[in-house]
């Protein structure tokens, strides 16, 4: 039971990290022009991506 819980937690964290990394890659791939066109801020987008994946900690 403990091992199964540990494995489930590990799988969940790996999936979270993978999702976060994909979001970061997408955000980092945006050019300054893209950001300006959207009226977006890269740092704010990265912060939002973190909160979306991991929640408020």
Protein backbone atom coordinates (compact mmCIF):
# COMPACT_ATOMS: atom_id res chain seq x y z
CA UNK A 1 0.00 0.00 0.00
CA UNK A 2 2.77 2.46 0.88
CA UNK A 3 4.70 1.50 -2.24
CA UNK A 4 1.61 1.98 -4.43
CA UNK A 5 0.99 5.42 -2.90
CA UNK A 6 4.63 6.36 -3.47
CA UNK A 7 4.43 5.24 -7.10
CA UNK A 8 1.17 7.14 -7.67
CA UNK A 9 2.66 10.29 -6.17
CA UNK A 10 5.77 9.90 -8.30
CA UNK A 11 3.71 9.42 -11.48
CA UNK A 12 1.63 12.49 -10.66
CA UNK A 13 4.71 14.64 -10.10
CA UNK A 14 6.36 13.43 -13.30
CA UNK A 15 3.17 14.26 -15.24
CA UNK A 16 3.02 17.71 -13.62
CA UNK A 17 6.65 18.42 -14.46
CA UNK A 18 6.12 17.28 -18.04
CA UNK A 19 3.07 19.53 -18.43
CA UNK A 20 4.89 22.48 -16.86
CA UNK A 21 7.91 21.97 -19.13
CA UNK A 22 5.67 21.93 -22.22
CA UNK A 23 4.00 25.17 -21.15
CA UNK A 24 7.37 26.82 -20.46
CA UNK A 25 8.66 25.74 -23.89
CA UNK A 26 5.60 27.24 -25.56
CA UNK A 27 5.93 30.51 -23.63
CA UNK A 28 9.68 30.75 -24.22
CA UNK A 29 9.05 30.12 -27.92
CA UNK A 30 6.99 33.29 -28.23
CA UNK A 31 8.82 36.21 -29.75
CA UNK A 32 8.77 39.68 -28.26
CA UNK A 33 6.53 40.64 -31.17
CA UNK A 34 4.09 37.83 -30.33
CA UNK A 35 3.95 39.00 -26.73
CA UNK A 36 3.43 42.61 -27.75
CA UNK A 37 0.62 41.62 -30.13
CA UNK A 38 -1.09 39.76 -27.28
CA UNK A 39 -0.36 42.48 -24.74
CA UNK A 40 1.26 39.78 -22.63
CA UNK A 41 4.18 39.63 -20.24
CA UNK A 42 6.45 36.56 -20.38
CA UNK A 43 7.14 36.53 -16.63
CA UNK A 44 3.45 36.75 -15.81
CA UNK A 45 2.69 33.96 -18.26
CA UNK A 46 5.34 31.74 -16.67
CA UNK A 47 3.93 32.48 -13.22
CA UNK A 48 0.44 31.61 -14.41
CA UNK A 49 1.71 28.37 -15.97
CA UNK A 50 3.26 27.37 -12.64
CA UNK A 51 0.07 28.13 -10.75
CA UNK A 52 -2.00 26.27 -13.34
CA UNK A 53 0.07 23.11 -12.96
CA UNK A 54 1.04 23.15 -9.29
CA UNK A 55 -1.56 25.44 -7.74
CA UNK A 56 -0.79 28.05 -5.09
CA UNK A 57 1.84 26.75 -2.72
